[in-house]
């Protein structure tokens, strides 16, 4: 069975490619490398001992998507590609709307033309906005507190409208919580371009000496220690969530929605302490103003994914911190050293 992975050279995409290859899927990757490196795919091949097809292509260019579908009989698509920084989306919303939504529309149009109607969409817990209660269930009301989250919500709505117009589509909306960690080999991990937007790569770059200190955005939230609380999930657990979703998709379930999280909330300061324990490094930090678009707390109820997919997150906070540090210390400049 052949799976097209958009954004497959990225952080979550590359880890998912490993698990797909381990399960003997044929993998085709489409990525424009705007925030990723082809080196990650060379390492995916090293880890698995298997090959994949790679196309440097952009979802904003429909001809490039057509070329991929013309050359391969695709059975299903896992759609990761998109811009993903909350703070940046507040600054340049038009770029986010254009890239994420137009790119998805182009992809869906080509899929429709080739009668490929199975898609797993990489959504986000940001579609829940600022939840009225915790833990978050799939049926909670949806909203968005920033343009990035709004693009995810709008794409979910597009996919739901698409399904209602044509019941031959099988669509899985996977709402991720906060991925971190890296493959246990230390070969692949999170390698953001420029200053990291996510907490864990920022902490690890402070630990390795690339950045001076961690900025903690607000310590006056209504949480146990005043800092933001999130559901952090190991990226390999997250990747395995996709592996569990694909067989479900091929049973023609229609449209299904799952939270992928651990069900546990950790504060920013807890994450910093966890990383200090894993790395044996002191992580200096400074409390700064809250960041626009952030909420106080967010964690999942992952029961539905366990019941319907047989999936649950198994890795601990200690695993996430240990694996991140293993990746960072072995790759202080990310993938750059191998280019």
Protein backbone atom coordinates (compact mmCIF):
# COMPACT_ATOMS: atom_id res chain seq x y z
CA UNK A 1 0.00 0.00 0.00
CA UNK A 2 1.44 3.38 -1.00
CA UNK A 3 1.09 6.42 1.26
CA UNK A 4 1.88 10.00 0.24
CA UNK A 5 3.24 12.02 3.17
CA UNK A 6 3.11 15.79 2.65
CA UNK A 7 5.63 17.59 4.83
CA UNK A 8 7.33 14.23 5.31
CA UNK A 9 10.80 15.71 5.82
CA UNK A 10 9.60 17.68 8.84
CA UNK A 11 9.71 16.79 12.51
CA UNK A 12 6.52 14.73 12.88
CA UNK A 13 6.57 13.70 9.22
CA UNK A 14 10.03 12.12 9.35
CA UNK A 15 9.20 10.11 12.48
CA UNK A 16 5.98 8.95 10.85
CA UNK A 17 7.90 7.88 7.74
CA UNK A 18 10.06 5.65 9.96
CA UNK A 19 7.01 3.95 11.42
CA UNK A 20 5.33 3.61 8.00
CA UNK A 21 8.42 1.93 6.55
CA UNK A 22 8.67 -0.30 9.63
CA UNK A 23 5.12 -1.45 8.86
CA UNK A 24 6.06 -2.14 5.22
CA UNK A 25 4.09 0.68 3.63
CA UNK A 26 5.50 2.19 0.45
CA UNK A 27 6.20 5.85 1.17
CA UNK A 28 6.26 8.87 -1.12
CA UNK A 29 7.24 12.20 0.46
CA UNK A 30 6.33 15.63 -0.86
CA UNK A 31 8.02 18.55 0.92
CA UNK A 32 9.16 22.03 -0.13
CA UNK A 33 11.94 22.00 2.53
CA UNK A 34 10.97 25.49 3.71
CA UNK A 35 11.31 24.44 7.35
CA UNK A 36 12.92 21.01 7.00
CA UNK A 37 15.92 19.22 5.54
CA UNK A 38 16.25 16.38 3.06
CA UNK A 39 18.93 15.04 5.39
CA UNK A 40 16.12 13.83 7.67
CA UNK A 41 14.94 11.50 4.90
CA UNK A 42 18.44 10.09 4.34
CA UNK A 43 18.47 9.29 8.04
CA UNK A 44 15.00 7.74 7.88
CA UNK A 45 16.42 5.36 5.28
CA UNK A 46 19.42 4.61 7.54
CA UNK A 47 17.19 3.86 10.53
CA UNK A 48 14.83 1.58 8.63
CA UNK A 49 17.13 0.11 6.00
CA UNK A 50 14.37 0.88 3.49
CA UNK A 51 13.93 3.41 0.71
CA UNK A 52 11.27 6.00 -0.05
CA UNK A 53 10.51 8.35 -2.93
CA UNK A 54 11.08 12.07 -2.36
CA UNK A 55 9.72 15.01 -4.35
CA UNK A 56 10.84 18.52 -3.58
CA UNK A 57 7.50 20.14 -4.34
CA UNK A 58 5.14 22.78 -2.98
CA UNK A 59 1.42 22.34 -2.42
CA UNK A 60 0.94 25.87 -3.73
CA UNK A 61 2.10 24.54 -7.12
CA UNK A 62 -0.66 22.26 -8.41
CA UNK A 63 1.44 21.00 -11.32
CA UNK A 64 3.99 19.61 -8.89
CA UNK A 65 1.27 17.73 -6.99
CA UNK A 66 -0.13 16.39 -10.27
CA UNK A 67 3.29 15.03 -11.17
CA UNK A 68 3.44 12.97 -7.98
CA UNK A 69 -0.03 11.47 -8.50
CA UNK A 70 0.70 10.83 -12.18
CA UNK A 71 3.81 8.82 -11.34
CA UNK A 72 2.43 6.82 -8.39
CA UNK A 73 -0.75 4.96 -7.54
CA UNK A 74 -1.39 6.54 -4.17
CA UNK A 75 -3.71 4.69 -1.75
CA UNK A 76 -3.88 7.33 0.96
CA UNK A 77 -2.41 10.63 2.09
CA UNK A 78 -1.08 11.82 5.44
CA UNK A 79 -1.15 15.60 5.27
CA UNK A 80 1.40 17.31 7.54
CA UNK A 81 2.58 20.14 5.28
CA UNK A 82 1.92 23.64 6.59
CA UNK A 83 3.31 26.60 8.48
CA UNK A 84 2.98 25.98 12.22
CA UNK A 85 4.28 28.74 14.50
CA UNK A 86 1.59 30.34 16.67
CA UNK A 87 3.49 33.56 17.31
CA UNK A 88 4.52 34.01 13.70
CA UNK A 89 0.94 33.43 12.55
CA UNK A 90 -0.18 36.39 14.64
CA UNK A 91 2.41 38.57 12.86
CA UNK A 92 1.83 37.36 9.28
CA UNK A 93 -1.69 35.88 9.15
CA UNK A 94 -2.15 36.27 5.39
CA UNK A 95 0.87 34.07 4.69
CA UNK A 96 -0.54 31.40 6.99
CA UNK A 97 -4.00 31.47 5.43
CA UNK A 98 -2.59 31.38 1.90
CA UNK A 99 -0.05 28.63 2.52
CA UNK A 100 -2.04 26.29 4.74
CA UNK A 101 -5.49 26.62 3.20
CA UNK A 102 -4.65 27.10 -0.48
CA UNK A 103 -2.09 24.29 -0.32
CA UNK A 104 -4.68 21.94 1.18
CA UNK A 105 -7.28 22.90 -1.42
CA UNK A 106 -4.80 22.13 -4.20
CA UNK A 107 -3.97 18.77 -2.65
CA UNK A 108 -7.64 17.81 -2.22
CA UNK A 109 -8.46 18.82 -5.79
CA UNK A 110 -5.72 16.59 -7.20
CA UNK A 111 -6.70 13.73 -4.89
CA UNK A 112 -10.27 14.06 -6.13
CA UNK A 113 -9.13 14.05 -9.78
CA UNK A 114 -7.23 10.79 -9.20
CA UNK A 115 -10.01 9.27 -7.08
CA UNK A 116 -7.74 9.03 -4.03
CA UNK A 117 -10.19 9.67 -1.20
CA UNK A 118 -8.37 8.57 1.95
CA UNK A 119 -6.67 11.29 4.00
CA UNK A 120 -5.31 11.67 7.51
CA UNK A 121 -5.12 15.36 8.40
CA UNK A 122 -2.59 16.71 10.86
CA UNK A 123 -4.82 18.97 12.94
CA UNK A 124 -4.13 20.51 16.31
CA UNK A 125 -5.49 20.96 19.81
CA UNK A 126 -5.51 24.69 19.02
CA UNK A 127 -8.91 24.10 17.34
CA UNK A 128 -10.40 23.88 20.84
CA UNK A 129 -9.45 27.48 21.57
CA UNK A 130 -9.50 28.22 25.31
CA UNK A 131 -11.44 25.19 26.62
CA UNK A 132 -14.17 25.73 29.20
CA UNK A 133 -13.15 22.55 31.03
CA UNK A 134 -10.44 19.88 31.06
CA UNK A 135 -9.63 17.25 29.87
CA UNK A 136 -10.63 18.05 26.29
CA UNK A 137 -12.93 15.64 24.47
CA UNK A 138 -13.42 15.48 20.69
CA UNK A 139 -16.99 16.76 20.89
CA UNK A 140 -16.01 19.99 22.68
CA UNK A 141 -16.94 23.26 20.93
CA UNK A 142 -14.32 24.56 18.52
CA UNK A 143 -12.76 27.99 18.18
CA UNK A 144 -9.31 29.43 17.65
CA UNK A 145 -7.23 32.01 19.51
CA UNK A 146 -4.65 32.62 16.76
CA UNK A 147 -4.37 32.50 12.94
CA UNK A 148 -2.42 29.21 12.97
CA UNK A 149 -5.20 27.52 14.90
CA UNK A 150 -7.77 29.13 12.66
CA UNK A 151 -6.15 27.60 9.56
CA UNK A 152 -6.40 24.17 11.18
CA UNK A 153 -10.03 24.77 12.10
CA UNK A 154 -10.88 26.04 8.62
CA UNK A 155 -9.24 23.02 6.98
CA UNK A 156 -11.20 20.73 9.29
CA UNK A 157 -14.39 22.48 8.15
CA UNK A 158 -13.35 22.16 4.49
CA UNK A 159 -12.79 18.43 4.99
CA UNK A 160 -16.12 17.99 6.74
CA UNK A 161 -17.90 19.81 3.91
CA UNK A 162 -16.04 17.65 1.41
CA UNK A 163 -17.17 14.49 3.17
CA UNK A 164 -20.78 15.65 3.31
CA UNK A 165 -20.67 16.34 -0.44
CA UNK A 166 -19.20 12.92 -1.26
CA UNK A 167 -19.46 10.04 1.21
CA UNK A 168 -16.77 8.11 -0.68
CA UNK A 169 -14.17 10.12 1.20
CA UNK A 170 -12.58 8.66 4.31
CA UNK A 171 -11.12 11.39 6.46
CA UNK A 172 -9.37 11.22 9.82
CA UNK A 173 -8.83 14.47 11.73
CA UNK A 174 -6.05 13.92 14.24
CA UNK A 175 -5.89 16.69 16.84
CA UNK A 176 -2.35 16.69 18.23
CA UNK A 177 -1.39 18.07 21.53
CA UNK A 178 2.27 19.12 22.01
CA UNK A 179 4.83 16.80 20.39
CA UNK A 180 8.38 16.61 21.65
CA UNK A 181 11.18 14.08 21.96
CA UNK A 182 13.08 12.36 19.16
CA UNK A 183 13.79 8.93 17.75
CA UNK A 184 15.74 6.81 20.25
CA UNK A 185 18.58 6.44 17.71
CA UNK A 186 19.34 10.16 17.98
CA UNK A 187 19.39 10.23 14.16
CA UNK A 188 16.25 12.33 13.64
CA UNK A 189 14.62 14.99 15.81
CA UNK A 190 13.26 18.49 15.83
CA UNK A 191 15.45 20.89 13.86
CA UNK A 192 13.69 24.24 13.53
CA UNK A 193 15.01 26.86 11.15
CA UNK A 194 16.17 29.91 13.07
CA UNK A 195 15.04 30.57 16.64
CA UNK A 196 12.76 27.73 17.79
CA UNK A 197 9.09 28.52 18.34
CA UNK A 198 8.39 25.43 20.41
CA UNK A 199 9.44 24.96 24.02
CA UNK A 200 11.50 21.77 23.93
CA UNK A 201 13.88 22.61 21.07
CA UNK A 202 14.39 26.00 22.71
CA UNK A 203 15.31 24.35 26.01
CA UNK A 204 17.64 21.87 24.30
CA UNK A 205 19.39 24.66 22.37
CA UNK A 206 19.96 26.51 25.66
CA UNK A 207 21.38 23.28 27.13
CA UNK A 208 23.80 22.85 24.22
CA UNK A 209 24.88 26.52 24.42
CA UNK A 210 23.29 27.85 21.23
CA UNK A 211 20.89 30.13 23.11
CA UNK A 212 21.46 31.99 26.41
CA UNK A 213 18.21 31.29 28.29
CA UNK A 214 14.63 30.14 27.97
CA UNK A 215 11.89 32.77 27.85
CA UNK A 216 8.91 31.63 29.92
CA UNK A 217 5.87 33.46 28.57
CA UNK A 218 3.94 34.45 31.69
CA UNK A 219 3.88 33.10 35.25
CA UNK A 220 0.49 34.52 36.23
CA UNK A 221 -1.79 31.93 34.65
CA UNK A 222 -4.34 30.11 36.77
CA UNK A 223 -2.17 26.99 37.00
CA UNK A 224 -0.28 25.34 39.90
CA UNK A 225 2.97 27.26 39.30
CA UNK A 226 1.58 30.10 37.18
CA UNK A 227 3.15 28.93 33.92
CA UNK A 228 1.25 27.46 30.99
CA UNK A 229 0.25 23.79 31.20
CA UNK A 230 0.22 21.55 28.12
CA UNK A 231 -0.22 17.91 27.17
CA UNK A 232 3.20 16.92 25.83
CA UNK A 233 3.35 13.74 23.74
CA UNK A 234 6.42 11.89 22.50
CA UNK A 235 6.76 12.29 18.75
CA UNK A 236 7.15 8.51 18.27
CA UNK A 237 3.87 7.89 20.13
CA UNK A 238 2.32 10.51 17.87
CA UNK A 239 3.73 8.85 14.75
CA UNK A 240 2.35 5.50 15.91
CA UNK A 241 -1.05 7.17 16.18
CA UNK A 242 -0.98 7.57 12.40
CA UNK A 243 -0.01 3.93 11.93
CA UNK A 244 -3.04 2.92 14.00
CA UNK A 245 -5.29 5.34 12.07
CA UNK A 246 -4.50 4.06 8.56
CA UNK A 247 -6.12 0.62 8.96
CA UNK A 248 -9.19 2.36 10.37
CA UNK A 249 -9.25 4.66 7.33
CA UNK A 250 -9.23 1.69 4.96
CA UNK A 251 -12.36 0.23 6.60
CA UNK A 252 -14.33 3.15 5.06
CA UNK A 253 -15.32 4.82 8.34
CA UNK A 254 -16.32 8.12 6.72
CA UNK A 255 -15.16 11.04 8.83
CA UNK A 256 -13.51 10.31 12.20
CA UNK A 257 -11.87 12.58 14.76
CA UNK A 258 -9.32 11.66 17.44
CA UNK A 259 -7.28 13.46 20.07
CA UNK A 260 -3.66 12.31 20.19
CA UNK A 261 -2.31 13.21 23.61
CA UNK A 262 -1.29 11.61 26.89
CA UNK A 263 -4.08 13.01 29.05
CA UNK A 264 -1.49 14.55 31.40
CA UNK A 265 -0.70 18.26 31.71
CA UNK A 266 2.82 19.50 32.47
CA UNK A 267 3.77 23.11 33.16
CA UNK A 268 6.61 24.94 31.43
CA UNK A 269 8.65 24.89 34.65
CA UNK A 270 8.05 21.14 35.05
CA UNK A 271 9.38 20.60 31.53
CA UNK A 272 12.49 22.66 32.30
CA UNK A 273 13.11 20.65 35.50
CA UNK A 274 12.56 17.39 33.63
CA UNK A 275 15.10 18.40 31.00
CA UNK A 276 17.62 19.43 33.66
CA UNK A 277 17.32 15.94 35.17
CA UNK A 278 17.75 14.23 31.77
CA UNK A 279 20.70 16.35 30.61
CA UNK A 280 22.39 17.09 33.94
CA UNK A 281 22.52 20.71 32.77
CA UNK A 282 21.20 23.81 34.49
CA UNK A 283 18.69 25.59 32.22
CA UNK A 284 18.58 29.34 32.87
CA UNK A 285 15.20 30.94 32.24
CA UNK A 286 13.54 34.32 32.47
CA UNK A 287 9.89 35.14 33.01
CA UNK A 288 8.61 37.47 30.26
CA UNK A 289 5.20 38.75 29.19
CA UNK A 290 2.50 36.38 28.04
CA UNK A 291 2.54 35.56 24.35
CA UNK A 292 -0.43 36.62 22.19
CA UNK A 293 -2.74 33.71 21.39
CA UNK A 294 -1.59 31.49 24.27
CA UNK A 295 -4.00 29.91 26.77
CA UNK A 296 -3.46 28.82 30.38
CA UNK A 297 -3.95 25.07 30.17
CA UNK A 298 -4.74 22.35 27.66
CA UNK A 299 -4.68 18.58 27.90
CA UNK A 300 -6.46 15.76 26.14
CA UNK A 301 -8.93 13.06 26.93
CA UNK A 302 -7.40 10.38 24.64
CA UNK A 303 -10.00 7.69 25.49
CA UNK A 304 -11.61 7.60 22.05
CA UNK A 305 -8.34 6.84 20.25
CA UNK A 306 -7.65 4.02 22.71
CA UNK A 307 -11.12 2.51 22.29
CA UNK A 308 -11.42 2.85 18.50
CA UNK A 309 -7.82 2.64 17.29
CA UNK A 310 -6.19 0.61 20.03
CA UNK A 311 -3.67 3.45 20.47
CA UNK A 312 -2.31 5.09 23.57
CA UNK A 313 0.77 7.14 24.37
CA UNK A 314 3.27 5.03 26.31
CA UNK A 315 6.32 7.24 26.68
CA UNK A 316 6.89 9.39 29.76
CA UNK A 317 8.10 12.95 30.28
CA UNK A 318 11.48 11.49 31.24
CA UNK A 319 11.58 9.61 27.90
CA UNK A 320 10.74 12.81 25.99
CA UNK A 321 13.47 14.78 27.74
CA UNK A 322 16.08 12.00 27.47
CA UNK A 323 15.43 11.43 23.75
CA UNK A 324 15.46 15.17 22.99
CA UNK A 325 18.80 15.56 24.74
CA UNK A 326 20.22 12.51 22.95
CA UNK A 327 19.25 14.07 19.59
CA UNK A 328 20.53 17.55 20.50
CA UNK A 329 23.91 16.53 21.94
CA UNK A 330 24.61 14.29 18.93
CA UNK A 331 23.41 16.95 16.47
CA UNK A 332 24.25 20.33 18.02
CA UNK A 333 23.50 22.08 14.74
CA UNK A 334 20.58 19.86 13.82
CA UNK A 335 20.87 18.47 10.31
CA UNK A 336 23.22 21.26 9.25
CA UNK A 337 26.43 19.37 9.97
CA UNK A 338 25.61 16.70 7.42
CA UNK A 339 24.66 19.00 4.57
